[in-house]
Amino acid sequence: MRVIRENVEREVDASKCEQLLKDGYKLVETSGDSKKESSEAKAPGDLDGMSLAELRAVAKEKGLSGYSSLSKEELLGVLKG
């Protein structure tokens, strides 16, 4: 399940989700995880056309750390490099 509060988005299991919802997080679309599917469906060459949120999702999927503080241009450099 995905939850969000301000600009912080987290993927958590159902038991943790319940607590985060009480702490002010809101549930993000869970039917099919369309955000994740859209970032996976794009080829690596399409990175330039992705939004910052999509690039961060790709960085997360690749297991990178420290990506949340990078600008779009910096993140593109990391993902392409």
Protein backbone atom coordinates (compact mmCIF):
# COMPACT_ATOMS: atom_id res chain seq x y z
CA MET A 1 0.00 0.00 0.00
CA ARG A 2 1.16 3.50 -0.71
CA VAL A 3 0.57 6.47 1.58
CA ILE A 4 1.51 10.13 1.29
CA ARG A 5 1.78 13.15 3.59
CA GLU A 6 2.92 16.49 2.18
CA ASN A 7 5.68 15.44 -0.26
CA VAL A 8 6.62 12.19 1.52
CA GLU A 9 5.35 9.02 -0.12
CA ARG A 10 5.89 5.61 1.46
CA GLU A 11 5.12 2.03 0.53
CA VAL A 12 4.07 0.01 3.58
CA ASP A 13 2.26 -3.15 4.54
CA ALA A 14 -1.33 -3.07 5.79
CA SER A 15 -0.48 -3.08 9.51
CA LYS A 16 1.90 -0.11 9.20
CA CYS A 17 -0.52 1.66 6.85
CA GLU A 18 -3.19 1.79 9.52
CA GLN A 19 -0.88 3.62 11.94
CA LEU A 20 0.35 6.05 9.28
CA LEU A 21 -3.23 6.92 8.30
CA LYS A 22 -3.84 7.85 11.95
CA ASP A 23 -0.69 10.00 11.82
CA GLY A 24 -2.02 12.11 8.95
CA TYR A 25 -0.94 10.17 5.87
CA LYS A 26 -3.44 9.63 3.05
CA LEU A 27 -3.86 6.49 1.01
CA VAL A 28 -2.57 6.72 -2.57
CA GLU A 29 -4.22 4.78 -5.39
CA THR A 30 -3.60 1.08 -4.76
CA SER A 31 -5.58 -0.57 -7.55
CA GLY A 32 -2.82 -1.77 -9.83
CA ASP A 33 -0.28 0.79 -8.58
CA SER A 34 -0.59 2.75 -11.80
CA LYS A 35 2.33 5.06 -10.93
CA LYS A 36 4.70 2.13 -10.55
CA GLU A 37 3.46 0.48 -13.71
CA SER A 38 3.90 3.67 -15.72
CA SER A 39 7.50 4.14 -14.60
CA GLU A 40 8.34 0.49 -15.28
CA ALA A 41 6.70 0.58 -18.69
CA LYS A 42 8.95 3.39 -19.92
CA ALA A 43 12.25 2.46 -21.47
CA PRO A 44 15.46 3.80 -19.90
CA GLY A 45 15.86 6.16 -22.86
CA ASP A 46 12.58 7.81 -21.87
CA LEU A 47 14.00 9.13 -18.60
CA ASP A 48 14.08 12.67 -20.01
CA GLY A 49 10.31 12.63 -20.43
CA MET A 50 9.60 11.52 -16.86
CA SER A 51 8.51 13.81 -14.06
CA LEU A 52 10.64 14.20 -10.94
CA ALA A 53 8.22 11.94 -9.02
CA GLU A 54 8.55 9.24 -11.68
CA LEU A 55 12.35 9.52 -11.63
CA ARG A 56 12.33 9.17 -7.86
CA ALA A 57 10.18 6.05 -8.20
CA VAL A 58 12.72 4.58 -10.64
CA ALA A 59 15.57 5.42 -8.22
CA LYS A 60 13.65 3.76 -5.40
CA GLU A 61 13.04 0.64 -7.51
CA LYS A 62 16.78 0.47 -8.24
CA GLY A 63 17.56 0.66 -4.52
CA LEU A 64 19.41 3.99 -4.69
CA SER A 65 19.70 6.19 -1.62
CA GLY A 66 19.83 9.96 -1.27
CA TYR A 67 17.76 10.53 -4.40
CA SER A 68 15.02 12.52 -2.67
CA SER A 69 17.25 15.57 -2.22
CA LEU A 70 18.43 15.65 -5.85
CA SER A 71 17.08 17.97 -8.51
CA LYS A 72 15.59 16.49 -11.66
CA GLU A 73 18.78 17.15 -13.64
CA GLU A 74 20.99 15.58 -10.93
CA LEU A 75 18.73 12.55 -10.68
CA LEU A 76 18.75 12.11 -14.46
CA GLY A 77 22.56 12.11 -14.34
CA VAL A 78 22.61 9.45 -11.63
CA LEU A 79 20.09 7.21 -13.40
CA LYS A 80 21.79 7.53 -16.78
CA GLY A 81 25.32 7.24 -15.43
